Amino acid sequence: MRPFHILWDEEENSCFLSSTGNAETLGTELLESLLKMAPTKEEERRLQEYKDDSPVKLGQAEKFLKAVIDIPFAFKRVEAMLYVANFESEIEYLKKSFETLEVNHSSSSFFPCQT
């Protein structure tokens, strides 16, 4: 899956999505925010059924979500990009945790020896 980049045009009240974005460019905060905005299945269904000629007009947030859900697997892609963005820090955290366990194991009798 290719990542995408989101650009919002305030004048046109429209969303432009480009496949040139990556996790580092967007940043983890934006990716986490996008995931929090993910619509429910019912909201997604309503947005997909919405027609531009409807008497009810969408607000900016709804227009943005409609543009995002038109991208195949958009929120799965955001999840994947967030995973990639956090991968190195998670690995470092796990390494330090295992080092701590190894040090504690070799220097204390907290863990009983198995014979």
PDB file of N, CA and C in Angstrom:
ATOM      1  N   MET A   1       0.834  -1.185   0.000  1.00  0.00           N
ATOM      2  CA  MET A   1       0.000   0.000   0.000  1.00  0.00           C
ATOM      3  C   MET A   1       0.875   1.244   0.000  1.00  0.00           C
ATOM      4  N   ARG A   2       0.519   2.181  -0.821  1.00  0.00           N
ATOM      5  CA  ARG A   2       1.247   3.445  -0.858  1.00  0.00           C
ATOM      6  C   ARG A   2       0.642   4.401   0.148  1.00  0.00           C
ATOM      7  N   PRO A   3       1.485   5.152   0.856  1.00  0.00           N
ATOM      8  CA  PRO A   3       0.953   6.147   1.784  1.00  0.00           C
ATOM      9  C   PRO A   3       0.343   7.311   1.009  1.00  0.00           C
ATOM     10  N   PHE A   4      -0.403   8.153   1.688  1.00  0.00           N
ATOM     11  CA  PHE A   4      -0.993   9.311   1.044  1.00  0.00           C
ATOM     12  C   PHE A   4      -0.754  10.546   1.881  1.00  0.00           C
ATOM     13  N   HIS A   5      -0.860  11.690   1.255  1.00  0.00           N
ATOM     14  CA  HIS A   5      -0.663  12.973   1.924  1.00  0.00           C
ATOM     15  C   HIS A   5      -1.955  13.771   1.784  1.00  0.00           C
ATOM     16  N   ILE A   6      -2.370  14.412   2.837  1.00  0.00           N
ATOM     17  CA  ILE A   6      -3.639  15.124   2.855  1.00  0.00           C
ATOM     18  C   ILE A   6      -3.386  16.624   2.826  1.00  0.00           C
ATOM     19  N   LEU A   7      -4.019  17.304   1.897  1.00  0.00           N
ATOM     20  CA  LEU A   7      -3.922  18.758   1.799  1.00  0.00           C
ATOM     21  C   LEU A   7      -5.333  19.322   1.818  1.00  0.00           C
ATOM     22  N   TRP A   8      -5.570  20.314   2.662  1.00  0.00           N
ATOM     23  CA  TRP A   8      -6.893  20.916   2.762  1.00  0.00           C
ATOM     24  C   TRP A   8      -6.837  22.317   2.178  1.00  0.00           C
ATOM     25  N   ASP A   9      -7.707  22.605   1.230  1.00  0.00           N
ATOM     26  CA  ASP A   9      -7.784  23.912   0.603  1.00  0.00           C
ATOM     27  C   ASP A   9      -8.919  24.682   1.270  1.00  0.00           C
ATOM     28  N   GLU A  10      -8.567  25.678   2.105  1.00  0.00           N
ATOM     29  CA  GLU A  10      -9.564  26.446   2.852  1.00  0.00           C
ATOM     30  C   GLU A  10     -10.477  27.238   1.913  1.00  0.00           C
ATOM     31  N   GLU A  11      -9.910  27.815   0.849  1.00  0.00           N
ATOM     32  CA  GLU A  11     -10.715  28.608  -0.078  1.00  0.00           C
ATOM     33  C   GLU A  11     -11.776  27.772  -0.764  1.00  0.00           C
ATOM     34  N   GLU A  12     -11.371  26.616  -1.225  1.00  0.00           N
ATOM     35  CA  GLU A  12     -12.280  25.755  -1.967  1.00  0.00           C
ATOM     36  C   GLU A  12     -13.067  24.814  -1.051  1.00  0.00           C
ATOM     37  N   ASN A  13     -12.714  24.791   0.245  1.00  0.00           N
ATOM     38  CA  ASN A  13     -13.324  23.851   1.187  1.00  0.00           C
ATOM     39  C   ASN A  13     -13.250  22.428   0.657  1.00  0.00           C
ATOM     40  N   SER A  14     -12.085  22.071   0.155  1.00  0.00           N
ATOM     41  CA  SER A  14     -11.946  20.740  -0.393  1.00  0.00           C
ATOM     42  C   SER A  14     -10.646  20.102   0.070  1.00  0.00           C
ATOM     43  N   CYS A  15     -10.620  18.819  -0.051  1.00  0.00           N
ATOM     44  CA  CYS A  15      -9.497  18.015   0.417  1.00  0.00           C
ATOM     45  C   CYS A  15      -8.792  17.428  -0.797  1.00  0.00           C
ATOM     46  N   PHE A  16      -7.476  17.515  -0.805  1.00  0.00           N
ATOM     47  CA  PHE A  16      -6.692  16.904  -1.855  1.00  0.00           C
ATOM     48  C   PHE A  16      -5.826  15.834  -1.220  1.00  0.00           C
ATOM     49  N   LEU A  17      -5.806  14.680  -1.819  1.00  0.00           N
ATOM     50  CA  LEU A  17      -5.035  13.574  -1.284  1.00  0.00           C
ATOM     51  C   LEU A  17      -4.018  13.153  -2.328  1.00  0.00           C
ATOM     52  N   SER A  18      -2.806  13.024  -1.912  1.00  0.00           N
ATOM     53  CA  SER A  18      -1.721  12.672  -2.811  1.00  0.00           C
ATOM     54  C   SER A  18      -1.035  11.435  -2.276  1.00  0.00           C
ATOM     55  N   SER A  19      -0.547  10.595  -3.147  1.00  0.00           N
ATOM     56  CA  SER A  19       0.115   9.372  -2.701  1.00  0.00           C
ATOM     57  C   SER A  19       1.600   9.577  -2.449  1.00  0.00           C
ATOM     58  N   THR A  20       2.030  10.817  -2.246  1.00  0.00           N
ATOM     59  CA  THR A  20       3.448  11.091  -2.018  1.00  0.00           C
ATOM     60  C   THR A  20       3.801  11.215  -0.546  1.00  0.00           C
ATOM     61  N   GLY A  21       2.839  11.186   0.337  1.00  0.00           N
ATOM     62  CA  GLY A  21       3.116  11.351   1.759  1.00  0.00           C
ATOM     63  C   GLY A  21       3.774  10.116   2.361  1.00  0.00           C
ATOM     64  N   ASN A  22       4.408  10.307   3.509  1.00  0.00           N
ATOM     65  CA  ASN A  22       4.938   9.172   4.246  1.00  0.00           C
ATOM     66  C   ASN A  22       4.799   9.453   5.738  1.00  0.00           C
ATOM     67  N   ALA A  23       5.063   8.442   6.539  1.00  0.00           N
ATOM     68  CA  ALA A  23       4.844   8.547   7.983  1.00  0.00           C
ATOM     69  C   ALA A  23       5.665   9.677   8.601  1.00  0.00           C
ATOM     70  N   GLU A  24       6.904   9.853   8.167  1.00  0.00           N
ATOM     71  CA  GLU A  24       7.753  10.891   8.746  1.00  0.00           C
ATOM     72  C   GLU A  24       7.238  12.279   8.389  1.00  0.00           C
ATOM     73  N   THR A  25       6.753  12.446   7.168  1.00  0.00           N
ATOM     74  CA  THR A  25       6.255  13.740   6.731  1.00  0.00           C
ATOM     75  C   THR A  25       5.001  14.131   7.499  1.00  0.00           C
ATOM     76  N   LEU A  26       4.091  13.192   7.658  1.00  0.00           N
ATOM     77  CA  LEU A  26       2.828  13.496   8.326  1.00  0.00           C
ATOM     78  C   LEU A  26       2.984  13.599   9.834  1.00  0.00           C
ATOM     79  N   GLY A  27       3.847  12.808  10.436  1.00  0.00           N
ATOM     80  CA  GLY A  27       4.063  12.840  11.871  1.00  0.00           C
ATOM     81  C   GLY A  27       3.060  11.985  12.629  1.00  0.00           C
ATOM     82  N   THR A  28       3.489  11.480  13.767  1.00  0.00           N
ATOM     83  CA  THR A  28       2.638  10.566  14.529  1.00  0.00           C
ATOM     84  C   THR A  28       1.402  11.256  15.099  1.00  0.00           C
ATOM     85  N   GLU A  29       1.524  12.522  15.477  1.00  0.00           N
ATOM     86  CA  GLU A  29       0.364  13.223  16.041  1.00  0.00           C
ATOM     87  C   GLU A  29      -0.770  13.336  15.026  1.00  0.00           C
ATOM     88  N   LEU A  30      -0.435  13.681  13.790  1.00  0.00           N
ATOM     89  CA  LEU A  30      -1.462  13.788  12.752  1.00  0.00           C
ATOM     90  C   LEU A  30      -2.067  12.420  12.457  1.00  0.00           C
ATOM     91  N   LEU A  31      -1.226  11.400  12.379  1.00  0.00           N
ATOM     92  CA  LEU A  31      -1.731  10.057  12.106  1.00  0.00           C
ATOM     93  C   LEU A  31      -2.664   9.583  13.222  1.00  0.00           C
ATOM     94  N   GLU A  32      -2.279   9.840  14.478  1.00  0.00           N
ATOM     95  CA  GLU A  32      -3.143   9.468  15.599  1.00  0.00           C
ATOM     96  C   GLU A  32      -4.462  10.242  15.551  1.00  0.00           C
ATOM     97  N   SER A  33      -4.392  11.510  15.196  1.00  0.00           N
ATOM     98  CA  SER A  33      -5.606  12.321  15.082  1.00  0.00           C
ATOM     99  C   SER A  33      -6.521  11.791  13.982  1.00  0.00           C
ATOM    100  N   LEU A  34      -5.937  11.405  12.864  1.00  0.00           N
ATOM    101  CA  LEU A  34      -6.735  10.846  11.772  1.00  0.00           C
ATOM    102  C   LEU A  34      -7.447   9.574  12.211  1.00  0.00           C
ATOM    103  N   LEU A  35      -6.742   8.726  12.960  1.00  0.00           N
ATOM    104  CA  LEU A  35      -7.364   7.485  13.431  1.00  0.00           C
ATOM    105  C   LEU A  35      -8.513   7.760  14.389  1.00  0.00           C
ATOM    106  N   LYS A  36      -8.369   8.792  15.203  1.00  0.00           N
ATOM    107  CA  LYS A  36      -9.446   9.142  16.135  1.00  0.00           C
ATOM    108  C   LYS A  36     -10.681   9.653  15.400  1.00  0.00           C
ATOM    109  N   MET A  37     -10.488  10.188  14.206  1.00  0.00           N
ATOM    110  CA  MET A  37     -11.601  10.725  13.424  1.00  0.00           C
ATOM    111  C   MET A  37     -12.303   9.661  12.595  1.00  0.00           C
ATOM    112  N   ALA A  38     -11.805   8.446  12.622  1.00  0.00           N
ATOM    113  CA  ALA A  38     -12.394   7.395  11.789  1.00  0.00           C
ATOM    114  C   ALA A  38     -13.890   7.271  12.073  1.00  0.00           C
ATOM    115  N   PRO A  39     -14.702   7.306  11.028  1.00  0.00           N
ATOM    116  CA  PRO A  39     -16.146   7.224  11.242  1.00  0.00           C
ATOM    117  C   PRO A  39     -16.585   5.807  11.594  1.00  0.00           C
ATOM    118  N   THR A  40     -17.728   5.715  12.252  1.00  0.00           N
ATOM    119  CA  THR A  40     -18.326   4.398  12.504  1.00  0.00           C
ATOM    120  C   THR A  40     -18.827   3.856  11.174  1.00  0.00           C
ATOM    121  N   LYS A  41     -19.209   2.590  11.147  1.00  0.00           N
ATOM    122  CA  LYS A  41     -19.738   1.987   9.914  1.00  0.00           C
ATOM    123  C   LYS A  41     -20.991   2.739   9.435  1.00  0.00           C
ATOM    124  N   GLU A  42     -21.843   3.113  10.384  1.00  0.00           N
ATOM    125  CA  GLU A  42     -23.067   3.846  10.041  1.00  0.00           C
ATOM    126  C   GLU A  42     -22.723   5.219   9.457  1.00  0.00           C
ATOM    127  N   GLU A  43     -21.794   5.942  10.081  1.00  0.00           N
ATOM    128  CA  GLU A  43     -21.382   7.250   9.562  1.00  0.00           C
ATOM    129  C   GLU A  43     -20.757   7.112   8.178  1.00  0.00           C
ATOM    130  N   GLU A  44     -19.938   6.080   8.021  1.00  0.00           N
ATOM    131  CA  GLU A  44     -19.292   5.845   6.730  1.00  0.00           C
ATOM    132  C   GLU A  44     -20.342   5.560   5.655  1.00  0.00           C
ATOM    133  N   ARG A  45     -21.334   4.745   5.981  1.00  0.00           N
ATOM    134  CA  ARG A  45     -22.403   4.424   5.034  1.00  0.00           C
ATOM    135  C   ARG A  45     -23.153   5.692   4.621  1.00  0.00           C
ATOM    136  N   ARG A  46     -23.481   6.548   5.605  1.00  0.00           N
ATOM    137  CA  ARG A  46     -24.205   7.785   5.309  1.00  0.00           C
ATOM    138  C   ARG A  46     -23.382   8.720   4.425  1.00  0.00           C
ATOM    139  N   LEU A  47     -22.093   8.820   4.708  1.00  0.00           N
ATOM    140  CA  LEU A  47     -21.237   9.676   3.890  1.00  0.00           C
ATOM    141  C   LEU A  47     -21.115   9.136   2.470  1.00  0.00           C
ATOM    142  N   GLN A  48     -21.027   7.817   2.331  1.00  0.00           N
ATOM    143  CA  GLN A  48     -20.924   7.234   0.987  1.00  0.00           C
ATOM    144  C   GLN A  48     -22.210   7.425   0.192  1.00  0.00           C
ATOM    145  N   GLU A  49     -23.344   7.421   0.881  1.00  0.00           N
ATOM    146  CA  GLU A  49     -24.630   7.592   0.210  1.00  0.00           C
ATOM    147  C   GLU A  49     -24.949   9.058  -0.083  1.00  0.00           C
ATOM    148  N   TYR A  50     -24.228   9.977   0.521  1.00  0.00           N
ATOM    149  CA  TYR A  50     -24.503  11.411   0.353  1.00  0.00           C
ATOM    150  C   TYR A  50     -24.296  11.825  -1.099  1.00  0.00           C
ATOM    151  N   LYS A  51     -25.239  12.609  -1.603  1.00  0.00           N
ATOM    152  CA  LYS A  51     -25.167  13.144  -2.963  1.00  0.00           C
ATOM    153  C   LYS A  51     -24.982  14.660  -2.880  1.00  0.00           C
ATOM    154  N   ASP A  52     -24.169  15.206  -3.775  1.00  0.00           N
ATOM    155  CA  ASP A  52     -23.885  16.644  -3.763  1.00  0.00           C
ATOM    156  C   ASP A  52     -25.135  17.494  -3.947  1.00  0.00           C
ATOM    157  N   ASP A  53     -26.151  16.964  -4.602  1.00  0.00           N
ATOM    158  CA  ASP A  53     -27.365  17.746  -4.835  1.00  0.00           C
ATOM    159  C   ASP A  53     -28.362  17.643  -3.679  1.00  0.00           C
ATOM    160  N   SER A  54     -27.949  17.043  -2.585  1.00  0.00           N
ATOM    161  CA  SER A  54     -28.806  16.896  -1.414  1.00  0.00           C
ATOM    162  C   SER A  54     -29.107  18.272  -0.814  1.00  0.00           C
ATOM    163  N   PRO A  55     -30.325  18.465  -0.265  1.00  0.00           N
ATOM    164  CA  PRO A  55     -30.639  19.753   0.383  1.00  0.00           C
ATOM    165  C   PRO A  55     -29.819  19.968   1.662  1.00  0.00           C
ATOM    166  N   VAL A  56     -29.356  18.890   2.241  1.00  0.00           N
ATOM    167  CA  VAL A  56     -28.510  18.974   3.432  1.00  0.00           C
ATOM    168  C   VAL A  56     -27.063  19.112   2.965  1.00  0.00           C
ATOM    169  N   LYS A  57     -26.392  20.158   3.416  1.00  0.00           N
ATOM    170  CA  LYS A  57     -25.009  20.397   3.008  1.00  0.00           C
ATOM    171  C   LYS A  57     -24.051  19.897   4.085  1.00  0.00           C
ATOM    172  N   LEU A  58     -22.932  19.352   3.639  1.00  0.00           N
ATOM    173  CA  LEU A  58     -21.909  18.854   4.564  1.00  0.00           C
ATOM    174  C   LEU A  58     -21.041  20.000   5.063  1.00  0.00           C
ATOM    175  N   GLY A  59     -20.636  19.912   6.320  1.00  0.00           N
ATOM    176  CA  GLY A  59     -19.668  20.851   6.867  1.00  0.00           C
ATOM    177  C   GLY A  59     -18.271  20.471   6.409  1.00  0.00           C
ATOM    178  N   GLN A  60     -17.280  21.275   6.784  1.00  0.00           N
ATOM    179  CA  GLN A  60     -15.895  21.003   6.367  1.00  0.00           C
ATOM    180  C   GLN A  60     -15.405  19.658   6.876  1.00  0.00           C
ATOM    181  N   ALA A  61     -15.700  19.332   8.126  1.00  0.00           N
ATOM    182  CA  ALA A  61     -15.231  18.061   8.689  1.00  0.00           C
ATOM    183  C   ALA A  61     -15.831  16.885   7.937  1.00  0.00           C
ATOM    184  N   GLU A  62     -17.117  16.971   7.620  1.00  0.00           N
ATOM    185  CA  GLU A  62     -17.777  15.888   6.902  1.00  0.00           C
ATOM    186  C   GLU A  62     -17.244  15.760   5.470  1.00  0.00           C
ATOM    187  N   LYS A  63     -16.983  16.908   4.821  1.00  0.00           N
ATOM    188  CA  LYS A  63     -16.399  16.876   3.473  1.00  0.00           C
ATOM    189  C   LYS A  63     -15.028  16.206   3.501  1.00  0.00           C
ATOM    190  N   PHE A  64     -14.257  16.543   4.528  1.00  0.00           N
ATOM    191  CA  PHE A  64     -12.936  15.956   4.666  1.00  0.00           C
ATOM    192  C   PHE A  64     -13.052  14.441   4.838  1.00  0.00           C
ATOM    193  N   LEU A  65     -13.925  13.999   5.752  1.00  0.00           N
ATOM    194  CA  LEU A  65     -14.103  12.561   5.974  1.00  0.00           C
ATOM    195  C   LEU A  65     -14.600  11.865   4.721  1.00  0.00           C
ATOM    196  N   LYS A  66     -15.498  12.502   4.004  1.00  0.00           N
ATOM    197  CA  LYS A  66     -16.000  11.904   2.762  1.00  0.00           C
ATOM    198  C   LYS A  66     -14.865  11.704   1.773  1.00  0.00           C
ATOM    199  N   ALA A  67     -13.990  12.680   1.661  1.00  0.00           N
ATOM    200  CA  ALA A  67     -12.837  12.554   0.756  1.00  0.00           C
ATOM    201  C   ALA A  67     -11.908  11.438   1.212  1.00  0.00           C
ATOM    202  N   VAL A  68     -11.699  11.313   2.513  1.00  0.00           N
ATOM    203  CA  VAL A  68     -10.795  10.278   3.030  1.00  0.00           C
ATOM    204  C   VAL A  68     -11.384   8.885   2.832  1.00  0.00           C
ATOM    205  N   ILE A  69     -12.680   8.704   3.099  1.00  0.00           N
ATOM    206  CA  ILE A  69     -13.245   7.352   2.970  1.00  0.00           C
ATOM    207  C   ILE A  69     -13.365   6.919   1.516  1.00  0.00           C
ATOM    208  N   ASP A  70     -13.237   7.862   0.580  1.00  0.00           N
ATOM    209  CA  ASP A  70     -13.220   7.489  -0.836  1.00  0.00           C
ATOM    210  C   ASP A  70     -11.904   6.828  -1.233  1.00  0.00           C
ATOM    211  N   ILE A  71     -10.908   6.906  -0.376  1.00  0.00           N
ATOM    212  CA  ILE A  71      -9.615   6.252  -0.620  1.00  0.00           C
ATOM    213  C   ILE A  71      -9.729   4.815  -0.115  1.00  0.00           C
ATOM    214  N   PRO A  72      -9.428   3.837  -0.943  1.00  0.00           N
ATOM    215  CA  PRO A  72      -9.520   2.445  -0.486  1.00  0.00           C
ATOM    216  C   PRO A  72      -8.634   2.199   0.739  1.00  0.00           C
ATOM    217  N   PHE A  73      -9.222   1.622   1.766  1.00  0.00           N
ATOM    218  CA  PHE A  73      -8.519   1.249   3.001  1.00  0.00           C
ATOM    219  C   PHE A  73      -7.773   2.416   3.642  1.00  0.00           C
ATOM    220  N   ALA A  74      -8.338   3.602   3.584  1.00  0.00           N
ATOM    221  CA  ALA A  74      -7.655   4.813   4.064  1.00  0.00           C
ATOM    222  C   ALA A  74      -7.215   4.683   5.517  1.00  0.00           C
ATOM    223  N   PHE A  75      -8.100   4.256   6.404  1.00  0.00           N
ATOM    224  CA  PHE A  75      -7.734   4.217   7.816  1.00  0.00           C
ATOM    225  C   PHE A  75      -6.814   3.046   8.131  1.00  0.00           C
ATOM    226  N   LYS A  76      -6.891   1.969   7.351  1.00  0.00           N
ATOM    227  CA  LYS A  76      -5.915   0.881   7.497  1.00  0.00           C
ATOM    228  C   LYS A  76      -4.530   1.375   7.093  1.00  0.00           C
ATOM    229  N   ARG A  77      -4.479   2.207   6.074  1.00  0.00           N
ATOM    230  CA  ARG A  77      -3.208   2.790   5.644  1.00  0.00           C
ATOM    231  C   ARG A  77      -2.632   3.696   6.725  1.00  0.00           C
ATOM    232  N   VAL A  78      -3.503   4.486   7.355  1.00  0.00           N
ATOM    233  CA  VAL A  78      -3.051   5.371   8.434  1.00  0.00           C
ATOM    234  C   VAL A  78      -2.510   4.533   9.588  1.00  0.00           C
ATOM    235  N   GLU A  79      -3.201   3.434   9.936  1.00  0.00           N
ATOM    236  CA  GLU A  79      -2.712   2.539  10.988  1.00  0.00           C
ATOM    237  C   GLU A  79      -1.331   1.994  10.640  1.00  0.00           C
ATOM    238  N   ALA A  80      -1.164   1.582   9.387  1.00  0.00           N
ATOM    239  CA  ALA A  80       0.126   1.047   8.948  1.00  0.00           C
ATOM    240  C   ALA A  80       1.212   2.112   9.005  1.00  0.00           C
ATOM    241  N   MET A  81       0.876   3.326   8.586  1.00  0.00           N
ATOM    242  CA  MET A  81       1.854   4.418   8.620  1.00  0.00           C
ATOM    243  C   MET A  81       2.242   4.751  10.060  1.00  0.00           C
ATOM    244  N   LEU A  82       1.269   4.705  10.976  1.00  0.00           N
ATOM    245  CA  LEU A  82       1.561   4.970  12.385  1.00  0.00           C
ATOM    246  C   LEU A  82       2.453   3.876  12.951  1.00  0.00           C
ATOM    247  N   TYR A  83       2.190   2.646  12.577  1.00  0.00           N
ATOM    248  CA  TYR A  83       3.030   1.525  13.002  1.00  0.00           C
ATOM    249  C   TYR A  83       4.472   1.737  12.534  1.00  0.00           C
ATOM    250  N   VAL A  84       4.634   2.111  11.276  1.00  0.00           N
ATOM    251  CA  VAL A  84       5.979   2.358  10.731  1.00  0.00           C
ATOM    252  C   VAL A  84       6.646   3.514  11.466  1.00  0.00           C
ATOM    253  N   ALA A  85       5.894   4.576  11.718  1.00  0.00           N
ATOM    254  CA  ALA A  85       6.449   5.758  12.381  1.00  0.00           C
ATOM    255  C   ALA A  85       6.918   5.434  13.795  1.00  0.00           C
ATOM    256  N   ASN A  86       6.220   4.544  14.487  1.00  0.00           N
ATOM    257  CA  ASN A  86       6.555   4.211  15.878  1.00  0.00           C
ATOM    258  C   ASN A  86       7.468   2.998  16.018  1.00  0.00           C
ATOM    259  N   PHE A  87       7.772   2.330  14.930  1.00  0.00           N
ATOM    260  CA  PHE A  87       8.475   1.061  14.986  1.00  0.00           C
ATOM    261  C   PHE A  87       9.825   1.147  15.701  1.00  0.00           C
ATOM    262  N   GLU A  88      10.667   2.073  15.298  1.00  0.00           N
ATOM    263  CA  GLU A  88      12.013   2.178  15.883  1.00  0.00           C
ATOM    264  C   GLU A  88      11.961   2.460  17.381  1.00  0.00           C
ATOM    265  N   SER A  89      11.091   3.372  17.801  1.00  0.00           N
ATOM    266  CA  SER A  89      11.011   3.687  19.233  1.00  0.00           C
ATOM    267  C   SER A  89      10.471   2.496  20.021  1.00  0.00           C
ATOM    268  N   GLU A  90       9.561   1.737  19.443  1.00  0.00           N
ATOM    269  CA  GLU A  90       9.045   0.537  20.111  1.00  0.00           C
ATOM    270  C   GLU A  90      10.140  -0.511  20.258  1.00  0.00           C
ATOM    271  N   ILE A  91      10.951  -0.676  19.237  1.00  0.00           N
ATOM    272  CA  ILE A  91      12.069  -1.638  19.286  1.00  0.00           C
ATOM    273  C   ILE A  91      13.058  -1.229  20.370  1.00  0.00           C
ATOM    274  N   GLU A  92      13.393   0.050  20.427  1.00  0.00           N
ATOM    275  CA  GLU A  92      14.325   0.535  21.456  1.00  0.00           C
ATOM    276  C   GLU A  92      13.755   0.317  22.852  1.00  0.00           C
ATOM    277  N   TYR A  93      12.472   0.582  23.032  1.00  0.00           N
ATOM    278  CA  TYR A  93      11.824   0.369  24.322  1.00  0.00           C
ATOM    279  C   TYR A  93      11.887  -1.110  24.716  1.00  0.00           C
ATOM    280  N   LEU A  94      11.600  -1.993  23.776  1.00  0.00           N
ATOM    281  CA  LEU A  94      11.640  -3.427  24.071  1.00  0.00           C
ATOM    282  C   LEU A  94      13.059  -3.899  24.394  1.00  0.00           C
ATOM    283  N   LYS A  95      14.046  -3.394  23.666  1.00  0.00           N
ATOM    284  CA  LYS A  95      15.438  -3.754  23.942  1.00  0.00           C
ATOM    285  C   LYS A  95      15.825  -3.366  25.365  1.00  0.00           C
ATOM    286  N   LYS A  96      15.484  -2.146  25.763  1.00  0.00           N
ATOM    287  CA  LYS A  96      15.813  -1.689  27.113  1.00  0.00           C
ATOM    288  C   LYS A  96      15.074  -2.513  28.159  1.00  0.00           C
ATOM    289  N   SER A  97      13.833  -2.865  27.880  1.00  0.00           N
ATOM    290  CA  SER A  97      13.070  -3.688  28.816  1.00  0.00           C
ATOM    291  C   SER A  97      13.712  -5.063  28.990  1.00  0.00           C
ATOM    292  N   PHE A  98      14.138  -5.677  27.889  1.00  0.00           N
ATOM    293  CA  PHE A  98      14.791  -6.980  27.976  1.00  0.00           C
ATOM    294  C   PHE A  98      16.134  -6.881  28.687  1.00  0.00           C
ATOM    295  N   GLU A  99      16.875  -5.798  28.448  1.00  0.00           N
ATOM    296  CA  GLU A  99      18.145  -5.601  29.145  1.00  0.00           C
ATOM    297  C   GLU A  99      17.910  -5.490  30.647  1.00  0.00           C
ATOM    298  N   THR A 100      16.874  -4.765  31.029  1.00  0.00           N
ATOM    299  CA  THR A 100      16.532  -4.635  32.447  1.00  0.00           C
ATOM    300  C   THR A 100      16.177  -5.985  33.040  1.00  0.00           C
ATOM    301  N   LEU A 101      15.413  -6.763  32.329  1.00  0.00           N
ATOM    302  CA  LEU A 101      15.064  -8.105  32.813  1.00  0.00           C
ATOM    303  C   LEU A 101      16.301  -8.990  32.958  1.00  0.00           C
ATOM    304  N   GLU A 102      17.199  -8.911  31.993  1.00  0.00           N
ATOM    305  CA  GLU A 102      18.416  -9.717  32.054  1.00  0.00           C
ATOM    306  C   GLU A 102      19.284  -9.319  33.240  1.00  0.00           C
ATOM    307  N   VAL A 103      19.429  -8.025  33.473  1.00  0.00           N
ATOM    308  CA  VAL A 103      20.235  -7.540  34.595  1.00  0.00           C
ATOM    309  C   VAL A 103      19.597  -7.978  35.912  1.00  0.00           C
ATOM    310  N   ASN A 104      18.298  -7.794  36.036  1.00  0.00           N
ATOM    311  CA  ASN A 104      17.600  -8.197  37.255  1.00  0.00           C
ATOM    312  C   ASN A 104      17.678  -9.704  37.477  1.00  0.00           C
ATOM    313  N   HIS A 105      17.592 -10.459  36.427  1.00  0.00           N
ATOM    314  CA  HIS A 105      17.646 -11.909  36.536  1.00  0.00           C
ATOM    315  C   HIS A 105      19.019 -12.382  37.013  1.00  0.00           C
ATOM    316  N   SER A 106      20.064 -11.789  36.493  1.00  0.00           N
ATOM    317  CA  SER A 106      21.408 -12.237  36.859  1.00  0.00           C
ATOM    318  C   SER A 106      21.880 -11.681  38.205  1.00  0.00           C
ATOM    319  N   SER A 107      21.288 -10.584  38.693  1.00  0.00           N
ATOM    320  CA  SER A 107      21.784  -9.986  39.916  1.00  0.00           C
ATOM    321  C   SER A 107      20.867 -10.170  41.123  1.00  0.00           C
ATOM    322  N   SER A 108      19.765 -10.866  40.968  1.00  0.00           N
ATOM    323  CA  SER A 108      18.890 -11.076  42.119  1.00  0.00           C
ATOM    324  C   SER A 108      18.352 -12.483  42.134  1.00  0.00           C
ATOM    325  N   SER A 109      17.814 -12.817  43.270  1.00  0.00           N
ATOM    326  CA  SER A 109      17.203 -14.141  43.395  1.00  0.00           C
ATOM    327  C   SER A 109      15.704 -14.051  43.228  1.00  0.00           C
ATOM    328  N   PHE A 110      15.232 -12.968  42.612  1.00  0.00           N
ATOM    329  CA  PHE A 110      13.803 -12.785  42.389  1.00  0.00           C
ATOM    330  C   PHE A 110      13.261 -13.904  41.507  1.00  0.00           C
ATOM    331  N   PHE A 111      14.022 -14.265  40.482  1.00  0.00           N
ATOM    332  CA  PHE A 111      13.620 -15.343  39.598  1.00  0.00           C
ATOM    333  C   PHE A 111      14.290 -16.631  40.102  1.00  0.00           C
ATOM    334  N   PRO A 112      13.539 -17.596  40.545  1.00  0.00           N
ATOM    335  CA  PRO A 112      14.169 -18.828  41.028  1.00  0.00           C
ATOM    336  C   PRO A 112      14.816 -19.587  39.862  1.00  0.00           C
ATOM    337  N   CYS A 113      15.945 -20.196  40.147  1.00  0.00           N
ATOM    338  CA  CYS A 113      16.619 -20.994  39.140  1.00  0.00           C
ATOM    339  C   CYS A 113      15.854 -22.292  38.912  1.00  0.00           C
ATOM    340  N   GLN A 114      15.766 -22.670  37.685  1.00  0.00           N
ATOM    341  CA  GLN A 114      15.089 -23.935  37.369  1.00  0.00           C
ATOM    342  C   GLN A 114      16.152 -25.000  37.200  1.00  0.00           C
ATOM    343  N   THR A 115      15.963 -26.121  37.857  1.00  0.00           N
ATOM    344  CA  THR A 115      16.914 -27.225  37.731  1.00  0.00           C
ATOM    345  C   THR A 115      16.233 -28.449  37.222  1.00  0.00           C
TER     346      THR A 115
END
